[in-house]
Amino acid sequence: QVQLVESGGGLVQPGEWLRLSCAVSENIFNFNVVGWYRQAPGKLRELVATINVGGVTDYADSLKGRVTIFRDGLSNTVDVQMISLRPEDTAVYYCHAKRLSTNYWGQGTQVTVSS
């Protein structure tokens, strides 16, 4: 059973930065792509950042220049770092992994950007 466990969420002020971490229960290179999505209240889940097995990254247009994705094959973690956070970045952030046609999700971690 694949498990994805997120950590690092919380309350931050506008303009601050945050790093979220996802611990994956098996080798991250067993997946075609790993990454992060987010869902704000009343909105659909949307892409934050992904990285595929070849190292190609994809970032949400709304976050380009403010987000970086990292992966570590030794610790099997996938992190996302976001800077210059805005109130509209408030959402539940989910770790995601995909292997062939199967999607795996973490339970999510809340990020609230507010003064």
N, C-alpha and C. Protein backbone atom coordinates (compact mmCIF):
# COMPACT_ATOMS: atom_id res chain seq x y z
N GLN A 1 0.84 -1.18 0.00
CA GLN A 1 0.00 0.00 0.00
C GLN A 1 0.89 1.24 0.00
N VAL A 2 0.74 2.05 -1.03
CA VAL A 2 1.54 3.27 -1.11
C VAL A 2 0.99 4.30 -0.14
N GLN A 3 1.89 4.93 0.60
CA GLN A 3 1.49 5.98 1.52
C GLN A 3 2.29 7.26 1.22
N LEU A 4 1.57 8.35 1.23
CA LEU A 4 2.17 9.67 1.05
C LEU A 4 1.80 10.49 2.28
N VAL A 5 2.79 11.00 2.98
CA VAL A 5 2.53 11.72 4.23
C VAL A 5 3.13 13.12 4.12
N GLU A 6 2.24 14.10 4.17
CA GLU A 6 2.67 15.49 4.05
C GLU A 6 2.99 16.08 5.42
N SER A 7 3.88 17.07 5.41
CA SER A 7 4.18 17.84 6.61
C SER A 7 4.63 19.23 6.19
N GLY A 8 4.58 20.15 7.16
CA GLY A 8 5.12 21.49 6.91
C GLY A 8 4.09 22.58 6.72
N GLY A 9 2.82 22.24 6.74
CA GLY A 9 1.81 23.27 6.58
C GLY A 9 1.67 24.12 7.83
N GLY A 10 0.85 25.16 7.73
CA GLY A 10 0.61 26.01 8.88
C GLY A 10 0.16 27.39 8.48
N LEU A 11 0.25 28.29 9.42
CA LEU A 11 -0.15 29.69 9.21
C LEU A 11 1.10 30.54 8.95
N VAL A 12 1.09 31.25 7.84
CA VAL A 12 2.19 32.16 7.52
C VAL A 12 1.62 33.51 7.12
N GLN A 13 2.44 34.52 7.21
CA GLN A 13 2.02 35.86 6.83
C GLN A 13 2.32 36.11 5.35
N PRO A 14 1.56 36.98 4.73
CA PRO A 14 1.85 37.33 3.33
C PRO A 14 3.31 37.76 3.16
N GLY A 15 3.91 37.28 2.08
CA GLY A 15 5.30 37.61 1.80
C GLY A 15 6.29 36.61 2.35
N GLU A 16 5.85 35.76 3.26
CA GLU A 16 6.76 34.77 3.84
C GLU A 16 6.90 33.57 2.90
N TRP A 17 7.73 32.63 3.32
CA TRP A 17 7.96 31.42 2.51
C TRP A 17 7.64 30.19 3.35
N LEU A 18 7.48 29.07 2.64
CA LEU A 18 7.11 27.83 3.29
C LEU A 18 7.64 26.67 2.46
N ARG A 19 8.07 25.61 3.15
CA ARG A 19 8.50 24.39 2.47
C ARG A 19 7.65 23.25 2.98
N LEU A 20 7.01 22.57 2.08
CA LEU A 20 6.21 21.39 2.40
C LEU A 20 6.99 20.14 2.01
N SER A 21 6.84 19.11 2.80
CA SER A 21 7.55 17.87 2.54
C SER A 21 6.59 16.69 2.46
N CYS A 22 6.86 15.78 1.55
CA CYS A 22 6.04 14.58 1.39
C CYS A 22 6.95 13.36 1.50
N ALA A 23 6.66 12.51 2.47
CA ALA A 23 7.39 11.26 2.62
C ALA A 23 6.63 10.15 1.90
N VAL A 24 7.30 9.48 0.99
CA VAL A 24 6.69 8.43 0.18
C VAL A 24 7.16 7.08 0.71
N SER A 25 6.24 6.13 0.77
CA SER A 25 6.54 4.86 1.43
C SER A 25 7.38 3.90 0.58
N GLU A 26 7.67 4.28 -0.67
CA GLU A 26 8.55 3.46 -1.47
C GLU A 26 9.39 4.36 -2.38
N ASN A 27 10.27 3.74 -3.12
CA ASN A 27 11.19 4.48 -3.98
C ASN A 27 10.42 5.40 -4.92
N ILE A 28 10.73 6.69 -4.86
CA ILE A 28 9.98 7.65 -5.67
C ILE A 28 10.22 7.45 -7.17
N PHE A 29 11.29 6.78 -7.54
CA PHE A 29 11.56 6.54 -8.96
C PHE A 29 10.74 5.36 -9.49
N ASN A 30 9.93 4.75 -8.61
CA ASN A 30 8.96 3.75 -9.07
C ASN A 30 7.73 4.38 -9.69
N PHE A 31 7.63 5.69 -9.59
CA PHE A 31 6.46 6.41 -10.08
C PHE A 31 6.81 7.20 -11.34
N ASN A 32 5.83 7.35 -12.22
CA ASN A 32 6.06 8.14 -13.43
C ASN A 32 6.24 9.61 -13.11
N VAL A 33 5.47 10.07 -12.12
CA VAL A 33 5.53 11.48 -11.74
C VAL A 33 5.12 11.61 -10.28
N VAL A 34 5.74 12.53 -9.59
CA VAL A 34 5.38 12.87 -8.21
C VAL A 34 5.26 14.39 -8.14
N GLY A 35 4.49 14.85 -7.16
CA GLY A 35 4.36 16.30 -7.05
C GLY A 35 3.32 16.73 -6.05
N TRP A 36 2.88 17.96 -6.25
CA TRP A 36 1.96 18.59 -5.31
C TRP A 36 0.81 19.27 -6.06
N TYR A 37 -0.36 19.19 -5.44
CA TYR A 37 -1.55 19.88 -5.90
C TYR A 37 -2.14 20.63 -4.71
N ARG A 38 -3.07 21.51 -4.98
CA ARG A 38 -3.74 22.22 -3.89
C ARG A 38 -5.21 22.42 -4.20
N GLN A 39 -5.99 22.59 -3.14
CA GLN A 39 -7.41 22.83 -3.30
C GLN A 39 -7.85 23.88 -2.30
N ALA A 40 -8.31 25.01 -2.82
CA ALA A 40 -8.84 26.07 -1.98
C ALA A 40 -10.34 25.85 -1.78
N PRO A 41 -10.91 26.42 -0.74
CA PRO A 41 -12.35 26.24 -0.49
C PRO A 41 -13.19 26.66 -1.69
N GLY A 42 -14.09 25.79 -2.10
CA GLY A 42 -14.98 26.10 -3.20
C GLY A 42 -14.36 26.01 -4.57
N LYS A 43 -13.11 25.55 -4.65
CA LYS A 43 -12.43 25.47 -5.94
C LYS A 43 -11.99 24.04 -6.23
N LEU A 44 -11.67 23.79 -7.49
CA LEU A 44 -11.18 22.49 -7.89
C LEU A 44 -9.72 22.32 -7.48
N ARG A 45 -9.32 21.08 -7.34
CA ARG A 45 -7.92 20.79 -7.05
C ARG A 45 -7.09 21.20 -8.27
N GLU A 46 -5.95 21.85 -8.02
CA GLU A 46 -5.14 22.33 -9.12
C GLU A 46 -3.66 22.00 -8.91
N LEU A 47 -2.94 22.01 -9.99
CA LEU A 47 -1.51 21.73 -9.98
C LEU A 47 -0.75 22.79 -9.21
N VAL A 48 0.23 22.34 -8.44
CA VAL A 48 1.24 23.25 -7.87
C VAL A 48 2.56 23.01 -8.62
N ALA A 49 3.05 21.79 -8.52
CA ALA A 49 4.31 21.45 -9.18
C ALA A 49 4.45 19.94 -9.25
N THR A 50 5.03 19.46 -10.33
CA THR A 50 5.33 18.04 -10.46
C THR A 50 6.72 17.86 -11.05
N ILE A 51 7.25 16.66 -10.84
CA ILE A 51 8.52 16.29 -11.45
C ILE A 51 8.39 14.85 -11.90
N ASN A 52 8.79 14.57 -13.15
CA ASN A 52 8.64 13.20 -13.62
C ASN A 52 9.93 12.41 -13.41
N VAL A 53 9.88 11.15 -13.75
CA VAL A 53 11.00 10.27 -13.45
C VAL A 53 12.27 10.74 -14.16
N GLY A 54 12.10 11.46 -15.27
CA GLY A 54 13.26 11.96 -16.00
C GLY A 54 13.77 13.29 -15.49
N GLY A 55 13.08 13.85 -14.50
CA GLY A 55 13.52 15.11 -13.92
C GLY A 55 12.88 16.35 -14.53
N VAL A 56 11.93 16.15 -15.43
CA VAL A 56 11.25 17.29 -16.05
C VAL A 56 10.20 17.82 -15.08
N THR A 57 10.21 19.13 -14.86
CA THR A 57 9.29 19.75 -13.92
C THR A 57 8.16 20.48 -14.65
N ASP A 58 7.08 20.64 -13.94
CA ASP A 58 5.93 21.38 -14.43
C ASP A 58 5.40 22.22 -13.26
N TYR A 59 5.18 23.49 -13.52
CA TYR A 59 4.72 24.39 -12.47
C TYR A 59 3.44 25.10 -12.90
N ALA A 60 2.58 25.37 -11.92
CA ALA A 60 1.39 26.16 -12.21
C ALA A 60 1.79 27.56 -12.66
N ASP A 61 1.09 28.06 -13.66
CA ASP A 61 1.39 29.41 -14.15
C ASP A 61 1.28 30.45 -13.05
N SER A 62 0.32 30.26 -12.17
CA SER A 62 0.09 31.24 -11.09
C SER A 62 1.20 31.23 -10.05
N LEU A 63 2.04 30.20 -10.09
CA LEU A 63 3.09 30.07 -9.09
C LEU A 63 4.50 30.17 -9.68
N LYS A 64 4.61 30.26 -10.99
CA LYS A 64 5.94 30.29 -11.61
C LYS A 64 6.76 31.45 -11.07
N GLY A 65 7.99 31.14 -10.74
CA GLY A 65 8.87 32.13 -10.13
C GLY A 65 8.78 32.16 -8.61
N ARG A 66 7.76 31.49 -8.07
CA ARG A 66 7.57 31.48 -6.60
C ARG A 66 7.64 30.08 -6.02
N VAL A 67 7.73 29.08 -6.85
CA VAL A 67 7.69 27.71 -6.35
C VAL A 67 8.81 26.88 -6.98
N THR A 68 9.38 25.99 -6.17
CA THR A 68 10.40 25.06 -6.65
C THR A 68 10.11 23.70 -6.05
N ILE A 69 10.24 22.67 -6.88
CA ILE A 69 10.03 21.31 -6.39
C ILE A 69 11.37 20.61 -6.27
N PHE A 70 11.51 19.81 -5.22
CA PHE A 70 12.73 19.06 -4.95
C PHE A 70 12.36 17.60 -4.73
N ARG A 71 13.26 16.71 -5.10
CA ARG A 71 13.05 15.31 -4.75
C ARG A 71 14.36 14.73 -4.24
N ASP A 72 14.24 13.76 -3.39
CA ASP A 72 15.40 13.11 -2.79
C ASP A 72 15.17 11.60 -2.86
N GLY A 73 15.96 10.94 -3.71
CA GLY A 73 15.80 9.50 -3.88
C GLY A 73 16.34 8.68 -2.73
N LEU A 74 17.14 9.27 -1.87
CA LEU A 74 17.65 8.54 -0.70
C LEU A 74 16.61 8.50 0.40
N SER A 75 15.98 9.64 0.63
CA SER A 75 14.98 9.70 1.70
C SER A 75 13.57 9.47 1.16
N ASN A 76 13.44 9.40 -0.17
CA ASN A 76 12.12 9.22 -0.80
C ASN A 76 11.15 10.32 -0.37
N THR A 77 11.60 11.53 -0.52
CA THR A 77 10.77 12.68 -0.20
C THR A 77 10.64 13.59 -1.43
N VAL A 78 9.52 14.27 -1.45
CA VAL A 78 9.25 15.26 -2.51
C VAL A 78 8.83 16.54 -1.81
N ASP A 79 9.61 17.57 -1.93
CA ASP A 79 9.34 18.83 -1.25
C ASP A 79 8.95 19.90 -2.26
N VAL A 80 8.18 20.83 -1.76
CA VAL A 80 7.90 22.01 -2.58
C VAL A 80 8.13 23.25 -1.71
N GLN A 81 8.87 24.18 -2.25
CA GLN A 81 9.16 25.42 -1.52
C GLN A 81 8.48 26.57 -2.25
N MET A 82 7.75 27.37 -1.49
CA MET A 82 7.03 28.51 -2.06
C MET A 82 7.45 29.78 -1.36
N ILE A 83 7.72 30.81 -2.12
CA ILE A 83 8.13 32.09 -1.57
C ILE A 83 7.06 33.14 -1.88
N SER A 84 7.22 34.29 -1.25
CA SER A 84 6.32 35.42 -1.49
C SER A 84 4.85 34.98 -1.46
N LEU A 85 4.51 34.27 -0.39
CA LEU A 85 3.15 33.73 -0.30
C LEU A 85 2.11 34.83 -0.23
N ARG A 86 0.96 34.53 -0.82
CA ARG A 86 -0.16 35.47 -0.90
C ARG A 86 -1.39 34.84 -0.25
N PRO A 87 -2.34 35.66 0.17
CA PRO A 87 -3.57 35.08 0.75
C PRO A 87 -4.24 34.08 -0.19
N GLU A 88 -4.15 34.30 -1.48
CA GLU A 88 -4.79 33.39 -2.43
C GLU A 88 -4.07 32.05 -2.55
N ASP A 89 -2.93 31.91 -1.89
CA ASP A 89 -2.26 30.61 -1.84
C ASP A 89 -2.83 29.73 -0.73
N THR A 90 -3.73 30.28 0.05
CA THR A 90 -4.37 29.50 1.10
C THR A 90 -5.14 28.33 0.50
N ALA A 91 -4.83 27.13 0.99
CA ALA A 91 -5.44 25.92 0.45
C ALA A 91 -4.96 24.72 1.24
N VAL A 92 -5.58 23.60 0.97
CA VAL A 92 -5.03 22.33 1.42
C VAL A 92 -4.12 21.82 0.32
N TYR A 93 -2.91 21.48 0.69
CA TYR A 93 -1.90 21.04 -0.27
C TYR A 93 -1.75 19.53 -0.16
N TYR A 94 -1.81 18.88 -1.32
CA TYR A 94 -1.79 17.42 -1.38
C TYR A 94 -0.56 16.92 -2.14
N CYS A 95 0.05 15.91 -1.59
CA CYS A 95 1.11 15.21 -2.29
C CYS A 95 0.48 14.19 -3.24
N HIS A 96 1.10 14.01 -4.38
CA HIS A 96 0.54 13.12 -5.40
C HIS A 96 1.65 12.30 -6.04
N ALA A 97 1.32 11.07 -6.36
CA ALA A 97 2.23 10.21 -7.12
C ALA A 97 1.39 9.41 -8.11
N LYS A 98 1.96 9.18 -9.28
CA LYS A 98 1.26 8.43 -10.30
C LYS A 98 2.15 7.35 -10.87
N ARG A 99 1.58 6.14 -10.93
CA ARG A 99 2.29 5.03 -11.54
C ARG A 99 1.35 4.42 -12.57
N LEU A 100 1.74 4.52 -13.82
CA LEU A 100 0.90 4.12 -14.95
C LEU A 100 -0.42 4.88 -14.83
N SER A 101 -1.54 4.20 -14.66
CA SER A 101 -2.82 4.88 -14.60
C SER A 101 -3.35 5.03 -13.17
N THR A 102 -2.53 4.69 -12.19
CA THR A 102 -2.98 4.74 -10.80
C THR A 102 -2.43 5.98 -10.11
N ASN A 103 -3.36 6.72 -9.49
CA ASN A 103 -2.99 7.93 -8.75
C ASN A 103 -3.03 7.66 -7.25
N TYR A 104 -2.05 8.19 -6.56
CA TYR A 104 -1.98 8.09 -5.10
C TYR A 104 -1.96 9.49 -4.53
N TRP A 105 -2.68 9.66 -3.41
CA TRP A 105 -2.78 10.97 -2.79
C TRP A 105 -2.49 10.88 -1.30
N GLY A 106 -1.88 11.94 -0.80
CA GLY A 106 -1.77 12.07 0.64
C GLY A 106 -3.05 12.65 1.20
N GLN A 107 -3.08 12.81 2.50
CA GLN A 107 -4.29 13.32 3.16
C GLN A 107 -4.36 14.84 3.14
N GLY A 108 -3.26 15.48 2.82
CA GLY A 108 -3.27 16.93 2.69
C GLY A 108 -2.77 17.64 3.93
N THR A 109 -2.23 18.83 3.70
CA THR A 109 -1.79 19.69 4.80
C THR A 109 -2.27 21.11 4.52
N GLN A 110 -2.82 21.73 5.54
CA GLN A 110 -3.41 23.06 5.37
C GLN A 110 -2.32 24.13 5.39
N VAL A 111 -2.40 25.03 4.42
CA VAL A 111 -1.56 26.22 4.41
C VAL A 111 -2.48 27.42 4.41
N THR A 112 -2.30 28.28 5.38
CA THR A 112 -3.09 29.50 5.49
C THR A 112 -2.16 30.70 5.46
N VAL A 113 -2.43 31.59 4.52
CA VAL A 113 -1.62 32.81 4.39
C VAL A 113 -2.49 33.98 4.82
N SER A 114 -2.15 34.55 5.95
CA SER A 114 -2.98 35.61 6.50
C SER A 114 -2.16 36.44 7.48
N SER A 115 -2.49 37.72 7.53
CA SER A 115 -1.85 38.58 8.51
C SER A 115 -2.69 38.67 9.78
